Every structure is written in structure tokens, then in C-alpha cells.
Amino acid sequence: MRNLLRRAAIMLGLIAPAAYAWPGMDVNLPDRRQLHLVGSIHMGTRDMAPLPASLLSRLQQATALIVEADITATPPLTDTGPVTVPLSERLSPLQHEILGGLCAEYGLDEAALALLPAWHIALMLQARQAERLGLRTAYGIDYQLIQAARDMNKPVIELEGPQEQLELLLQLPDQGNALLQDTLRHWHTNARLLQTMIGWWLNSKPVNMAKAFPSTFSGELYQYLMTERNQRWKTLLEDLPAGGYVVAVGALHLYGEQNLPSLLQK
């Protein structure tokens, strides 16, 4: 009853939720289940290691760590399927021009990219952009949490796993052409968003993160990659046994429409 009253008071704005020196929030579920949701960045800067001591302390006290996928064991992308539509037909002349400029800037072979599905091109471009900003996988939040959990002998639970994430990409309509187009359309916005999220971890002070997320996905893509996954994760989290859990998911899943915390609190 006490937890229920507190949740209601937070939702009504009568009291403020707990503030952390990182993008995190608490959700209490019935039957003695406590979730500490952490807005992860899958690639980070050297200055983002080690993780805050208070976050590691929460992990030490947790029953288990929950992540989208164990990225420390993710195999390289293979068997992505043949390209069904030429690159010249997948992009508008302006988008093709932008892609050519990015290939020149980041040292990518446009002819080689043309042989890949659109979603694969999008992920390669996003990875190059993150690397240019100084981000590396080894300093990503979920990567560091997984390593810390293993050092503490804590179970690591996957919400999806690498194979399921690959299947999600393979099932995108038009081989993920919308993802590639959104990546090109919002290129500079994505860079600013990455820098904003890095700042959350480096500044070590609470911020109003809900106002920091511009829309960088088209409607159908957001529904597929964000809303539907949040709903599946909600079901999995609600099936957990009693205990305390640290849940690290991409920060975008914690804010915006149909975000994971709001679904869990309904």
C-alpha cells in the first residue's frame, strides 16, 4: 500500500521522484519487485569509466542485471540477406548526395555499401558517427554494467539477445530503408543527441531528460523499434520473481511516447 501511494503521488506531481547523478529512475511492481531503470548509451567515452560508485553499489545489492542483449558476446552481423532493391532506387537524389558526402568524410566505400541492406548501412553510419565523437563500445554503460555484474557473480538477464535483435532488423519493411532515410535526415540531430546523453553521465547531476529528445524516427519505425519492444519488455519485467533489479536499456526507451516506465506504472 505504501508503494502504491507513493507512485500515485509521483504521478500526480505531489512529490518528486528520486533524482540520480545519471539517467535513472525507480519503478516498484507488486509482490516485492523493485526495478532501477538506467538510460544506457551503448557506446561511451573514456571519461564515462568507471561507472558511478553509487550505481555499482545498487548493482551489488541487486538480484540480477537486466539488459537488452549481452553486447560483450554479440557476434558480427552475418546472413543479412541479399539486397533486393538497388541503392539508387532506395534513396532520393538529395539523400543519395548526403550519403555520398558521408562516405567521403568517413572513408566508406559507397559501392560496397550498395551491396548491403539499408538497415545495415544505417548502423554502419551511426557507428562511424559515434566513433568520430570519441565513443567506444568498451565504455558503453551496458557493457560496463555487464562486466561489473560478472565480477560480482550477478546473473545477467537478456530482454532480447543478439539473435532476436538481428531478426528485428531482418523483418524491417523494405530491408530497413526507413531507418537509413531517418539516419540521413536526422544526421546532425543524432550527433547532438549523443553529445547530450554523454553529458548526462559526465556532469554527474540530475537533469530534465524528458525534454531533451527530439523525434528522429518516422511514425511506423518508432512503433516497431520503440513502442512494440517496450510493450514486450514490460511483459517480461512484470513476470520477474520478487527481488531488486538493475535494468539497463537504451535511454530512448525511458522517454517519449509509450516509454517503458510509463507502461510499467499503468
Foldseek 3Di string as FASTA:
>chain_A
DVLLVVLVCCVVVVDPFDFFLAPWGWDDDPQAEIEIEHAWDQWAAPLLPPPDPVVLVLLLQFQAEEEQAQVVPADDDDPLDWQDDFPVVLDDPVLVVLVVVLCVVQVHDVVVCRGGQLVVVLVVSVVSLCVVVRIGNCSIPVNNSVVSCVVSVHHYHHLAYNVRVSVLQSPDPSSCSQSNVLCSVCVVVVSVLVVVNNCSSNVSGGDPVQPSDDDSHPDVVCCSPAQVSLVSSLVVSNPDHRIYYYYYYHNVQCYDPNHNSVVNSD
